[in-house]
Amino acid sequence: MKKIQVLYPDPQMEQLRQVAKELDRPISEIIREATAEWMKRWAPVGTGEVYEEPPVFSGGRIKTKAEHLRSASHGRE
């Protein structure tokens, strides 16, 4: 393992400390896991490809019957 020094803003460092305390794990382990997850989004270095998934949004259940969707979307219902 290699050692590096990373500077974090105070609010982010405080949040890292709180998470580490709640999980009863060292901050370094949390950062290594987060970095590993982030790196999964990238193809091998030098290929220029990204494996990142597009964001997904769910607006919840539709509460209008299918036959009324058009008029509901135009505010007529």
N, C-alpha and C. Protein backbone atom coordinates (compact mmCIF):
# COMPACT_ATOMS: atom_id res chain seq x y z
N MET A 1 0.84 -1.18 0.00
CA MET A 1 0.00 0.00 0.00
C MET A 1 0.88 1.24 0.00
N LYS A 2 0.43 2.25 -0.70
CA LYS A 2 1.13 3.53 -0.74
C LYS A 2 0.38 4.54 0.10
N LYS A 3 1.09 5.53 0.60
CA LYS A 3 0.49 6.55 1.44
C LYS A 3 0.44 7.86 0.67
N ILE A 4 -0.73 8.56 0.75
CA ILE A 4 -0.86 9.88 0.16
C ILE A 4 -1.51 10.80 1.19
N GLN A 5 -1.42 12.08 0.95
CA GLN A 5 -2.06 13.06 1.83
C GLN A 5 -3.15 13.76 1.02
N VAL A 6 -4.36 13.79 1.57
CA VAL A 6 -5.50 14.42 0.92
C VAL A 6 -6.10 15.43 1.89
N LEU A 7 -6.35 16.64 1.39
CA LEU A 7 -6.95 17.68 2.23
C LEU A 7 -8.45 17.76 1.95
N TYR A 8 -9.26 17.74 3.00
CA TYR A 8 -10.71 17.83 2.89
C TYR A 8 -11.19 19.10 3.58
N PRO A 9 -12.24 19.73 3.05
CA PRO A 9 -12.84 20.86 3.75
C PRO A 9 -13.36 20.39 5.11
N ASP A 10 -13.38 21.28 6.08
CA ASP A 10 -13.80 20.91 7.44
C ASP A 10 -15.17 20.22 7.49
N PRO A 11 -16.19 20.74 6.80
CA PRO A 11 -17.50 20.06 6.89
C PRO A 11 -17.46 18.62 6.36
N GLN A 12 -16.72 18.40 5.28
CA GLN A 12 -16.63 17.06 4.71
C GLN A 12 -15.84 16.14 5.64
N MET A 13 -14.79 16.66 6.25
CA MET A 13 -13.99 15.85 7.17
C MET A 13 -14.82 15.48 8.40
N GLU A 14 -15.62 16.40 8.88
CA GLU A 14 -16.47 16.13 10.04
C GLU A 14 -17.49 15.04 9.70
N GLN A 15 -18.04 15.12 8.49
CA GLN A 15 -19.00 14.10 8.06
C GLN A 15 -18.31 12.73 7.95
N LEU A 16 -17.10 12.70 7.42
CA LEU A 16 -16.34 11.45 7.35
C LEU A 16 -16.10 10.88 8.74
N ARG A 17 -15.76 11.74 9.68
CA ARG A 17 -15.53 11.28 11.06
C ARG A 17 -16.81 10.69 11.66
N GLN A 18 -17.94 11.34 11.41
CA GLN A 18 -19.21 10.85 11.95
C GLN A 18 -19.56 9.49 11.35
N VAL A 19 -19.39 9.35 10.04
CA VAL A 19 -19.69 8.07 9.38
C VAL A 19 -18.77 6.98 9.93
N ALA A 20 -17.48 7.29 10.05
CA ALA A 20 -16.52 6.31 10.57
C ALA A 20 -16.90 5.88 11.98
N LYS A 21 -17.34 6.83 12.80
CA LYS A 21 -17.73 6.50 14.17
C LYS A 21 -18.98 5.62 14.18
N GLU A 22 -19.97 5.97 13.36
CA GLU A 22 -21.20 5.19 13.30
C GLU A 22 -20.95 3.77 12.81
N LEU A 23 -20.05 3.62 11.84
CA LEU A 23 -19.75 2.31 11.29
C LEU A 23 -18.67 1.58 12.07
N ASP A 24 -18.04 2.28 13.02
CA ASP A 24 -16.93 1.73 13.80
C ASP A 24 -15.83 1.20 12.88
N ARG A 25 -15.46 2.05 11.91
CA ARG A 25 -14.42 1.71 10.94
C ARG A 25 -13.51 2.91 10.76
N PRO A 26 -12.26 2.69 10.36
CA PRO A 26 -11.35 3.81 10.13
C PRO A 26 -11.75 4.62 8.90
N ILE A 27 -11.48 5.92 8.95
CA ILE A 27 -11.77 6.80 7.83
C ILE A 27 -11.06 6.32 6.57
N SER A 28 -9.84 5.86 6.71
CA SER A 28 -9.07 5.41 5.55
C SER A 28 -9.78 4.26 4.83
N GLU A 29 -10.40 3.36 5.56
CA GLU A 29 -11.12 2.24 4.95
C GLU A 29 -12.34 2.74 4.18
N ILE A 30 -13.05 3.70 4.74
CA ILE A 30 -14.23 4.27 4.08
C ILE A 30 -13.82 4.96 2.79
N ILE A 31 -12.72 5.71 2.83
CA ILE A 31 -12.23 6.42 1.64
C ILE A 31 -11.77 5.43 0.57
N ARG A 32 -11.08 4.35 0.97
CA ARG A 32 -10.65 3.34 0.00
C ARG A 32 -11.84 2.69 -0.68
N GLU A 33 -12.88 2.36 0.09
CA GLU A 33 -14.08 1.74 -0.50
C GLU A 33 -14.80 2.70 -1.44
N ALA A 34 -14.90 3.97 -1.04
CA ALA A 34 -15.56 4.97 -1.88
C ALA A 34 -14.79 5.16 -3.18
N THR A 35 -13.47 5.18 -3.10
CA THR A 35 -12.64 5.32 -4.29
C THR A 35 -12.80 4.11 -5.20
N ALA A 36 -12.85 2.92 -4.63
CA ALA A 36 -13.02 1.71 -5.43
C ALA A 36 -14.36 1.73 -6.17
N GLU A 37 -15.42 2.17 -5.50
CA GLU A 37 -16.74 2.26 -6.15
C GLU A 37 -16.71 3.29 -7.28
N TRP A 38 -16.07 4.42 -7.05
CA TRP A 38 -15.99 5.46 -8.07
C TRP A 38 -15.19 4.97 -9.27
N MET A 39 -14.10 4.25 -9.01
CA MET A 39 -13.25 3.77 -10.09
C MET A 39 -13.94 2.72 -10.96
N LYS A 40 -14.95 2.02 -10.43
CA LYS A 40 -15.68 1.02 -11.22
C LYS A 40 -16.39 1.67 -12.41
N ARG A 41 -16.65 2.98 -12.32
CA ARG A 41 -17.34 3.68 -13.41
C ARG A 41 -16.45 3.94 -14.60
N TRP A 42 -15.16 3.75 -14.47
CA TRP A 42 -14.22 4.09 -15.53
C TRP A 42 -13.64 2.84 -16.15
N ALA A 43 -13.46 2.88 -17.46
CA ALA A 43 -12.79 1.79 -18.17
C ALA A 43 -11.31 1.86 -17.82
N PRO A 44 -10.54 0.89 -18.28
CA PRO A 44 -9.10 0.97 -18.02
C PRO A 44 -8.52 2.32 -18.46
N VAL A 45 -7.59 2.83 -17.72
CA VAL A 45 -7.00 4.14 -17.98
C VAL A 45 -6.45 4.20 -19.40
N GLY A 46 -6.73 5.30 -20.08
CA GLY A 46 -6.22 5.50 -21.42
C GLY A 46 -7.21 5.15 -22.52
N THR A 47 -8.32 4.48 -22.18
CA THR A 47 -9.29 4.12 -23.22
C THR A 47 -10.27 5.24 -23.49
N GLY A 48 -10.43 6.16 -22.54
CA GLY A 48 -11.35 7.28 -22.71
C GLY A 48 -12.81 6.90 -22.54
N GLU A 49 -13.08 5.67 -22.17
CA GLU A 49 -14.46 5.22 -21.99
C GLU A 49 -14.89 5.38 -20.54
N VAL A 50 -16.19 5.52 -20.35
CA VAL A 50 -16.77 5.62 -19.02
C VAL A 50 -17.88 4.59 -18.90
N TYR A 51 -17.92 3.85 -17.82
CA TYR A 51 -18.95 2.85 -17.59
C TYR A 51 -20.07 3.38 -16.70
N GLU A 52 -20.12 4.66 -16.53
CA GLU A 52 -21.08 5.24 -15.60
C GLU A 52 -22.51 5.03 -16.09
N GLU A 53 -23.39 4.66 -15.17
CA GLU A 53 -24.80 4.47 -15.47
C GLU A 53 -25.49 5.84 -15.48
N PRO A 54 -26.45 6.03 -16.37
CA PRO A 54 -27.19 7.29 -16.34
C PRO A 54 -28.05 7.35 -15.08
N PRO A 55 -28.32 8.55 -14.58
CA PRO A 55 -29.15 8.65 -13.38
C PRO A 55 -30.57 8.17 -13.67
N VAL A 56 -31.20 7.60 -12.66
CA VAL A 56 -32.56 7.08 -12.80
C VAL A 56 -33.48 7.89 -11.91
N PHE A 57 -34.63 8.26 -12.44
CA PHE A 57 -35.59 9.03 -11.67
C PHE A 57 -36.91 8.28 -11.63
N SER A 58 -37.52 8.23 -10.47
CA SER A 58 -38.84 7.64 -10.35
C SER A 58 -39.77 8.71 -9.79
N GLY A 59 -40.81 8.99 -10.52
CA GLY A 59 -41.79 9.99 -10.06
C GLY A 59 -42.90 9.38 -9.22
N GLY A 60 -42.80 8.09 -8.93
CA GLY A 60 -43.81 7.42 -8.14
C GLY A 60 -44.92 6.85 -9.01
N ARG A 61 -45.98 6.45 -8.36
CA ARG A 61 -47.11 5.85 -9.06
C ARG A 61 -47.93 6.92 -9.77
N ILE A 62 -48.51 6.56 -10.91
CA ILE A 62 -49.41 7.45 -11.64
C ILE A 62 -50.79 7.32 -11.01
N LYS A 63 -51.36 8.43 -10.61
CA LYS A 63 -52.64 8.39 -9.90
C LYS A 63 -53.83 8.70 -10.81
N THR A 64 -53.57 8.88 -12.10
CA THR A 64 -54.62 9.18 -13.07
C THR A 64 -54.79 7.98 -13.99
N LYS A 65 -56.03 7.66 -14.33
CA LYS A 65 -56.28 6.56 -15.25
C LYS A 65 -55.68 6.89 -16.61
N ALA A 66 -55.25 5.86 -17.34
CA ALA A 66 -54.58 6.04 -18.62
C ALA A 66 -55.40 6.88 -19.59
N GLU A 67 -56.70 6.67 -19.63
CA GLU A 67 -57.54 7.40 -20.58
C GLU A 67 -57.67 8.89 -20.25
N HIS A 68 -57.27 9.29 -19.04
CA HIS A 68 -57.35 10.70 -18.64
C HIS A 68 -56.00 11.40 -18.61
N LEU A 69 -54.92 10.71 -18.96
CA LEU A 69 -53.58 11.29 -18.86
C LEU A 69 -53.41 12.54 -19.73
N ARG A 70 -53.88 12.50 -20.98
CA ARG A 70 -53.69 13.64 -21.88
C ARG A 70 -54.34 14.90 -21.30
N SER A 71 -55.59 14.81 -20.92
CA SER A 71 -56.27 16.00 -20.40
C SER A 71 -55.68 16.42 -19.06
N ALA A 72 -55.26 15.47 -18.24
CA ALA A 72 -54.65 15.80 -16.94
C ALA A 72 -53.32 16.53 -17.15
N SER A 73 -52.56 16.12 -18.15
CA SER A 73 -51.25 16.76 -18.38
C SER A 73 -51.39 18.19 -18.89
N HIS A 74 -52.56 18.51 -19.47
CA HIS A 74 -52.81 19.87 -19.95
C HIS A 74 -53.64 20.69 -18.97
N GLY A 75 -53.84 20.13 -17.78
CA GLY A 75 -54.54 20.87 -16.73
C GLY A 75 -56.04 21.00 -16.95
N ARG A 76 -56.59 20.14 -17.76
CA ARG A 76 -58.04 20.22 -18.02
C ARG A 76 -58.84 19.31 -17.12
N GLU A 77 -58.20 18.67 -16.18
CA GLU A 77 -58.93 17.75 -15.33
C GLU A 77 -58.66 18.01 -13.87
